[in-house]
């Protein structure tokens, strides 16, 4: 798992890189999604829109390192869409890939067994603080019905994610809410 702040600075909380409860909850959440739905990838990000403090939890460190180090983040069609909207449910397979660099990003992501995914993004008002949440769920390249499976069971998926959301919101905003 990776925790980063805006501009890829590591957040240090209580001299740790992660709050144990949030990290443990991320691992449990990913494990449940993997077991129930065949999820091979989970990315979960919260950002305090006021001070730009951000926490990212990423299940596939290898893919994340390539994504950042090879600058795929700059060419990813999913990121481009996510940056330009406040709220969206995005089936990855519905996104038009119009550039060679975009196709390369999708291809390399698939080589890491991350495909057929769905992303959710929205702004949460938590005790008067605006927080942007972005969630990406991916599956095996052969699991073509993954996004449909997630949408058809969205209430359960939301319940699974809720504990992770609550722990992460507390962690990112604890100075403001204490």
Foldseek 3Di string as FASTA:
>chain_A
DAWAFPVRHQDADPNDSDDVVLVVLVVVLQVVCCVPQVWPWKWKKKAQVPVRTMTIDIDDPVLVCCCVVVVLCVVAQVNVVVVVDAWDKDFPVVGDRDDPSNVVNQVVCLVVQFDRKIKTWHWDQDVNTTMIMIMIIGHGPVPNCRSVVCVVPVVVSCVSCVVSVVVVVCVRCVVPPD
